[in-house]
């Protein structure tokens, strides 16, 4: 959190998950900084999306939804939950969204079907990357 004062009033600045995933502020930052290789908003959005999906099985009464408007409310609750999670962190015991993402990612990899799917995609990419490339010298113009 950053604070600054203007005219005797202190303002606290916190970039929460809800704002970052539902506004175009990251797209604008990306444009200004010239970063075109990644979609920052998608990167930030993946954590609350994963968490919301994972909460459906055991916490449906709190995070369940059936309509788009209910989903938006549940998504915002998850964003607030993530903000609170990070706020609880201390220097001695930091709590970051990235660490939580890594935990969720590992849990996803344990899922039998998904694990198999991810492994087959990784194997296909490895085969494609290591495929023998035929020389193309004969296509060069002299």
Protein backbone atom coordinates (compact mmCIF):
# COMPACT_ATOMS: atom_id res chain seq x y z
CA UNK A 1 0.00 0.00 0.00
CA UNK A 2 1.15 3.50 -0.81
CA UNK A 3 -0.12 6.59 0.93
CA UNK A 4 0.08 10.24 -0.04
CA UNK A 5 -1.36 13.43 1.38
CA UNK A 6 -3.05 16.34 -0.36
CA UNK A 7 -4.58 19.31 1.43
CA UNK A 8 -4.23 17.61 4.81
CA UNK A 9 -6.04 14.43 3.77
CA UNK A 10 -4.25 11.08 3.53
CA UNK A 11 -5.08 8.78 0.62
CA UNK A 12 -4.30 5.07 0.66
CA UNK A 13 -3.63 3.40 -2.68
CA UNK A 14 -4.25 -0.34 -2.99
CA UNK A 15 -4.43 -2.15 -6.31
CA UNK A 16 -6.89 -4.92 -5.52
CA UNK A 17 -7.64 -7.93 -7.66
CA UNK A 18 -11.18 -6.73 -8.38
CA UNK A 19 -10.01 -3.46 -9.90
CA UNK A 20 -7.12 -5.01 -11.78
CA UNK A 21 -9.22 -7.73 -13.36
CA UNK A 22 -12.25 -5.63 -14.21
CA UNK A 23 -10.74 -2.41 -15.53
CA UNK A 24 -8.45 -1.61 -18.42
CA UNK A 25 -5.80 0.08 -16.26
CA UNK A 26 -3.28 -2.74 -16.81
CA UNK A 27 -3.82 -2.59 -20.57
CA UNK A 28 -3.05 1.12 -20.46
CA UNK A 29 0.09 0.55 -18.36
CA UNK A 30 1.17 -2.15 -20.79
CA UNK A 31 0.67 0.20 -23.75
CA UNK A 32 2.69 2.96 -22.11
CA UNK A 33 5.55 0.66 -21.15
CA UNK A 34 5.55 -1.00 -24.57
CA UNK A 35 4.97 -4.51 -23.24
CA UNK A 36 3.24 -6.41 -26.01
CA UNK A 37 4.51 -9.91 -25.29
CA UNK A 38 2.02 -10.63 -22.50
CA UNK A 39 -1.52 -9.76 -21.65
CA UNK A 40 -1.03 -8.56 -18.07
CA UNK A 41 -4.74 -8.46 -17.32
CA UNK A 42 -5.07 -12.13 -18.22
CA UNK A 43 -2.12 -12.96 -15.99
CA UNK A 44 -3.67 -11.14 -13.04
CA UNK A 45 -7.14 -12.61 -13.73
CA UNK A 46 -6.04 -16.24 -13.69
CA UNK A 47 -5.66 -16.44 -9.90
CA UNK A 48 -9.19 -15.34 -8.97
CA UNK A 49 -10.58 -17.46 -11.84
CA UNK A 50 -8.74 -20.55 -10.56
CA UNK A 51 -9.73 -19.88 -6.98
CA UNK A 52 -13.39 -19.35 -7.88
CA UNK A 53 -13.43 -22.62 -9.82
CA UNK A 54 -11.75 -24.46 -6.95
CA UNK A 55 -14.13 -23.08 -4.34
CA UNK A 56 -17.20 -24.42 -6.16
CA UNK A 57 -16.96 -27.97 -4.80
CA UNK A 58 -16.69 -27.33 -1.04
CA UNK A 59 -17.91 -23.73 -0.70
CA UNK A 60 -20.76 -23.51 -3.19
CA UNK A 61 -23.07 -21.89 -0.64
CA UNK A 62 -20.74 -18.89 -0.44
CA UNK A 63 -19.14 -18.82 -3.90
CA UNK A 64 -21.63 -20.69 -6.09
CA UNK A 65 -23.47 -19.06 -8.97
CA UNK A 66 -25.92 -19.86 -11.73
CA UNK A 67 -26.28 -16.61 -13.64
CA UNK A 68 -23.77 -14.15 -15.04
CA UNK A 69 -24.72 -11.56 -12.46
CA UNK A 70 -24.30 -14.09 -9.63
CA UNK A 71 -20.93 -15.05 -11.11
CA UNK A 72 -19.84 -11.40 -11.10
CA UNK A 73 -20.75 -11.16 -7.40
CA UNK A 74 -18.90 -14.42 -6.60
CA UNK A 75 -15.87 -13.27 -8.61
CA UNK A 76 -15.76 -9.99 -6.68
CA UNK A 77 -15.97 -11.93 -3.39
CA UNK A 78 -12.96 -13.99 -4.47
CA UNK A 79 -11.06 -10.83 -5.42
CA UNK A 80 -11.84 -9.37 -2.00
CA UNK A 81 -10.75 -12.64 -0.39
CA UNK A 82 -7.41 -12.47 -2.23
CA UNK A 83 -6.90 -8.86 -1.18
CA UNK A 84 -7.58 -9.81 2.45
CA UNK A 85 -5.23 -12.81 2.14
CA UNK A 86 -2.37 -10.60 0.98
CA UNK A 87 -3.18 -7.95 3.62
CA UNK A 88 -2.73 -10.60 6.34
CA UNK A 89 0.85 -11.17 5.23
CA UNK A 90 3.74 -9.80 7.23
CA UNK A 91 7.46 -9.46 6.56
CA UNK A 92 8.04 -12.61 8.57
CA UNK A 93 5.14 -14.49 6.97
CA UNK A 94 4.42 -12.97 3.58
CA UNK A 95 1.28 -14.02 1.75
CA UNK A 96 1.35 -13.35 -1.94
CA UNK A 97 -1.08 -14.14 -4.68
CA UNK A 98 1.76 -15.64 -6.68
CA UNK A 99 2.51 -18.17 -3.94
CA UNK A 100 -1.17 -19.06 -3.77
CA UNK A 101 -1.23 -19.42 -7.55
CA UNK A 102 1.67 -21.89 -7.37
CA UNK A 103 -0.25 -23.96 -4.80
CA UNK A 104 -3.34 -24.01 -7.00
CA UNK A 105 -1.25 -24.87 -10.05
CA UNK A 106 0.30 -27.84 -8.24
CA UNK A 107 -3.16 -28.99 -7.19
CA UNK A 108 -4.35 -28.77 -10.78
CA UNK A 109 -1.40 -30.91 -11.88
CA UNK A 110 -2.47 -33.61 -9.38
CA UNK A 111 -5.89 -33.87 -11.03
CA UNK A 112 -5.81 -37.12 -13.00
CA UNK A 113 -7.52 -36.01 -16.20
CA UNK A 114 -5.98 -32.57 -16.25
CA UNK A 115 -2.55 -33.95 -15.39
CA UNK A 116 -2.76 -36.34 -18.32
CA UNK A 117 -3.95 -33.60 -20.62
CA UNK A 118 -1.16 -31.21 -19.57
CA UNK A 119 1.45 -33.96 -19.93
CA UNK A 120 0.26 -34.87 -23.42
CA UNK A 121 0.34 -31.22 -24.49
CA UNK A 122 3.86 -30.84 -23.05
CA UNK A 123 5.01 -34.02 -24.82
CA UNK A 124 3.56 -32.84 -28.13
CA UNK A 125 5.33 -29.50 -27.76
CA UNK A 126 8.60 -31.25 -26.94
CA UNK A 127 8.30 -33.50 -30.00
CA UNK A 128 7.53 -30.48 -32.17
CA UNK A 129 10.47 -28.56 -30.75
CA UNK A 130 12.88 -31.46 -31.17
CA UNK A 131 11.62 -32.52 -34.59
CA UNK A 132 14.31 -32.87 -37.20
CA UNK A 133 14.17 -29.94 -39.54
CA UNK A 134 14.90 -30.60 -43.17
CA UNK A 135 17.49 -28.35 -44.78
CA UNK A 136 15.93 -25.67 -46.92
CA UNK A 137 19.06 -24.73 -48.90
CA UNK A 138 17.45 -25.84 -52.13
CA UNK A 139 14.88 -23.05 -51.75
CA UNK A 140 17.47 -20.28 -51.62
CA UNK A 141 17.74 -18.12 -54.69
CA UNK A 142 21.23 -17.72 -56.11
